[in-house]
Amino acid sequence: MGCTMYTDEQYVNGVRTGDRAIFTAMVREYLDPMLRFSIKVTGQNDCAHDIVQNVFIGVWAKGKGWSPKSSVAAYLFTAVRNRSINHVSIEKNRQKIETRIQREAEDSDSENDSDRLLINDLSSSLELLTDRQRQAIHLRYYQGLSVQEVAEVLNIDLRATRRLLSRSISALQSILSNAEY
């Protein structure tokens, strides 16, 4: 199975001009090595696939604005490395929080019942947001992406992303403030 390899300049120009064939060739060239790298960092196959996919989605979404300051390989592997490390860090924090919540649940008293209600209400409240708001919250706070990365993934400008996140948080606060504890 022969895969035509392009130069970095051809890959960048292909993405910038929306050439799907060149973009596909870039994905084919870098997909497996990036997956192996992300799996080594995260230790999770499914997670690595998501990370690599999101990197490619981010590149394609940048379109005309994509201009890596280094080689294509360096750009892609740096993006995968950063997202993989962020995932590991977020996962460790999530596990610490879950452990703490589980310990508190074992020491069940009225305050802990209230905490569990709040967590359940937060999950339910997220469902009341628009798809775009949920996506922004998920990318920023559950996936640990920067505001700039969220903007890239959602294909909106930075200022609009900040407004979207702010409105999403305000909506969550409003929904949760109407809940009784």
Protein backbone atom coordinates (compact mmCIF):
# COMPACT_ATOMS: atom_id res chain seq x y z
CA MET A 1 0.00 0.00 0.00
CA GLY A 2 1.88 3.04 -1.22
CA CYS A 3 1.32 6.31 0.52
CA THR A 4 2.53 9.45 -1.19
CA MET A 5 4.67 11.44 1.20
CA TYR A 6 4.65 15.19 0.90
CA THR A 7 7.01 17.86 2.15
CA ASP A 8 6.13 19.97 5.17
CA GLU A 9 5.46 22.89 2.88
CA GLN A 10 3.02 20.80 0.83
CA TYR A 11 1.24 19.62 3.98
CA VAL A 12 0.92 23.15 5.33
CA ASN A 13 -0.26 24.51 1.98
CA GLY A 14 -2.66 21.58 1.63
CA VAL A 15 -4.27 22.31 4.98
CA ARG A 16 -4.36 26.04 4.28
CA THR A 17 -6.08 25.50 0.92
CA GLY A 18 -8.43 22.80 2.20
CA ASP A 19 -6.91 20.00 0.11
CA ARG A 20 -8.43 16.87 1.66
CA ALA A 21 -6.13 14.51 -0.25
CA ILE A 22 -2.99 16.11 1.14
CA PHE A 23 -4.51 16.33 4.62
CA THR A 24 -5.44 12.64 4.42
CA ALA A 25 -1.87 11.80 3.37
CA MET A 26 -0.58 13.77 6.37
CA VAL A 27 -2.93 11.89 8.70
CA ARG A 28 -1.81 8.55 7.24
CA GLU A 29 1.85 9.45 7.63
CA TYR A 30 1.64 10.62 11.25
CA LEU A 31 -1.35 8.78 12.73
CA ASP A 32 0.33 5.56 13.90
CA PRO A 33 3.49 7.15 15.34
CA MET A 34 1.39 9.78 17.14
CA LEU A 35 -0.92 7.09 18.55
CA ARG A 36 2.00 5.03 19.83
CA PHE A 37 3.49 8.16 21.43
CA SER A 38 0.22 9.18 23.11
CA ILE A 39 -0.39 5.63 24.36
CA LYS A 40 3.06 5.68 25.97
CA VAL A 41 2.26 8.95 27.73
CA THR A 42 -1.34 8.22 28.76
CA GLY A 43 -1.26 4.44 29.03
CA GLN A 44 -4.75 4.43 27.51
CA ASN A 45 -5.49 3.31 23.97
CA ASP A 46 -8.94 4.93 23.63
CA CYS A 47 -7.75 8.16 25.16
CA ALA A 48 -4.75 8.28 22.82
CA HIS A 49 -7.06 7.88 19.84
CA ASP A 50 -9.21 10.78 21.05
CA ILE A 51 -6.18 12.98 21.64
CA VAL A 52 -4.65 12.32 18.23
CA GLN A 53 -8.01 12.77 16.52
CA ASN A 54 -8.51 16.11 18.29
CA VAL A 55 -5.06 17.27 17.21
CA PHE A 56 -5.88 16.54 13.58
CA ILE A 57 -9.31 18.16 13.93
CA GLY A 58 -7.63 21.24 15.39
CA VAL A 59 -5.17 21.40 12.49
CA TRP A 60 -7.92 21.05 9.89
CA ALA A 61 -10.09 23.61 11.72
CA LYS A 62 -7.29 26.18 11.61
CA GLY A 63 -7.34 25.94 7.82
CA LYS A 64 -5.82 29.07 6.33
CA GLY A 65 -4.53 30.09 9.74
CA TRP A 66 -2.37 27.02 10.23
CA SER A 67 1.29 27.96 10.11
CA PRO A 68 3.43 25.78 12.35
CA LYS A 69 6.58 27.50 13.55
CA SER A 70 8.52 24.24 13.34
CA SER A 71 8.32 21.12 11.20
CA VAL A 72 4.93 19.45 10.76
CA ALA A 73 6.16 16.45 12.75
CA ALA A 74 7.40 18.64 15.61
CA TYR A 75 4.14 20.59 15.64
CA LEU A 76 1.96 17.45 15.68
CA PHE A 77 4.01 15.59 18.28
CA THR A 78 4.19 18.67 20.51
CA ALA A 79 0.40 19.01 20.33
CA VAL A 80 -0.06 15.31 21.12
CA ARG A 81 2.47 15.47 23.94
CA ASN A 82 0.84 18.53 25.54
CA ARG A 83 -2.65 17.09 25.31
CA SER A 84 -1.50 13.70 26.57
CA ILE A 85 0.26 15.25 29.56
CA ASN A 86 -2.79 17.42 30.26
CA HIS A 87 -4.97 14.32 30.14
CA VAL A 88 -2.73 12.45 32.59
CA SER A 89 -2.73 15.43 34.94
CA ILE A 90 -6.49 15.88 34.75
CA GLU A 91 -7.02 12.14 35.20
CA LYS A 92 -4.86 12.14 38.35
CA ASN A 93 -6.81 15.11 39.73
CA ARG A 94 -10.12 13.46 38.83
CA GLN A 95 -9.06 10.28 40.61
CA LYS A 96 -8.07 12.26 43.71
CA ILE A 97 -11.42 14.01 43.71
CA GLU A 98 -13.31 10.76 43.19
CA THR A 99 -11.37 9.13 46.01
CA ARG A 100 -12.17 12.06 48.31
CA ILE A 101 -15.84 11.95 47.36
CA GLN A 102 -15.94 8.20 47.90
CA ARG A 103 -14.36 8.59 51.36
CA GLU A 104 -16.86 11.27 52.23
CA ALA A 105 -19.69 9.10 50.98
CA GLU A 106 -18.53 6.32 53.29
CA ASP A 107 -18.73 8.78 56.19
CA SER A 108 -22.30 9.49 55.16
CA ASP A 109 -23.93 12.36 56.99
CA SER A 110 -26.27 15.13 55.92
CA GLU A 111 -23.46 17.31 54.54
CA ASN A 112 -22.18 14.46 52.35
CA ASP A 113 -25.72 13.82 51.11
CA SER A 114 -25.83 17.46 50.08
CA ASP A 115 -22.49 17.15 48.23
CA ARG A 116 -23.73 14.12 46.31
CA LEU A 117 -26.90 15.99 45.39
CA LEU A 118 -24.79 18.89 44.13
CA ILE A 119 -22.64 16.57 41.97
CA ASN A 120 -25.74 14.88 40.54
CA ASP A 121 -27.33 18.28 39.92
CA LEU A 122 -24.19 19.47 38.13
CA SER A 123 -24.31 16.48 35.78
CA SER A 124 -28.02 17.05 35.16
CA SER A 125 -27.47 20.79 34.72
CA LEU A 126 -24.89 20.22 32.00
CA GLU A 127 -27.62 18.49 30.00
CA LEU A 128 -29.68 21.70 30.12
CA LEU A 129 -26.99 23.68 28.29
CA THR A 130 -26.88 24.03 24.52
CA ASP A 131 -24.72 21.57 22.60
CA ARG A 132 -22.14 24.29 21.96
CA GLN A 133 -22.03 25.26 25.66
CA ARG A 134 -21.63 21.61 26.72
CA GLN A 135 -18.86 21.13 24.17
CA ALA A 136 -17.02 24.22 25.40
CA ILE A 137 -17.34 23.21 29.08
CA HIS A 138 -16.28 19.65 28.30
CA LEU A 139 -13.22 20.69 26.29
CA ARG A 140 -12.12 23.35 28.77
CA TYR A 141 -12.82 21.74 32.12
CA TYR A 142 -13.03 18.01 31.50
CA GLN A 143 -10.40 17.70 28.76
CA GLY A 144 -8.20 20.49 30.13
CA LEU A 145 -7.76 22.36 26.87
CA SER A 146 -6.72 25.99 26.95
CA VAL A 147 -9.21 28.63 25.84
CA GLN A 148 -7.19 28.99 22.63
CA GLU A 149 -7.42 25.23 21.98
CA VAL A 150 -11.16 25.25 22.67
CA ALA A 151 -11.49 28.06 20.12
CA GLU A 152 -9.54 26.03 17.59
CA VAL A 153 -11.54 22.86 18.14
CA LEU A 154 -14.88 24.69 17.98
CA ASN A 155 -13.63 26.78 15.05
CA ILE A 156 -14.58 30.12 16.61
CA ASP A 157 -12.44 33.10 17.51
CA LEU A 158 -10.85 33.53 20.92
CA ARG A 159 -13.15 36.33 22.11
CA ALA A 160 -16.26 34.36 21.12
CA THR A 161 -14.88 31.34 22.98
CA ARG A 162 -14.34 33.38 26.14
CA ARG A 163 -17.93 34.69 25.90
CA LEU A 164 -19.26 31.18 25.28
CA LEU A 165 -17.44 29.80 28.33
CA SER A 166 -18.54 32.73 30.49
CA ARG A 167 -22.18 32.35 29.43
CA SER A 168 -22.01 28.59 29.95
CA ILE A 169 -20.70 29.00 33.50
CA SER A 170 -23.31 31.68 34.23
CA ALA A 171 -26.05 29.38 32.96
CA LEU A 172 -24.76 26.55 35.16
CA GLN A 173 -24.62 28.86 38.18
CA SER A 174 -28.17 30.00 37.51
CA ILE A 175 -29.45 26.45 37.13
CA LEU A 176 -27.65 25.30 40.28
CA SER A 177 -28.73 28.31 42.33
CA ASN A 178 -32.35 27.34 41.71
CA ALA A 179 -31.74 23.83 43.08
CA GLU A 180 -32.50 23.18 46.73
CA TYR A 181 -29.91 21.69 49.10
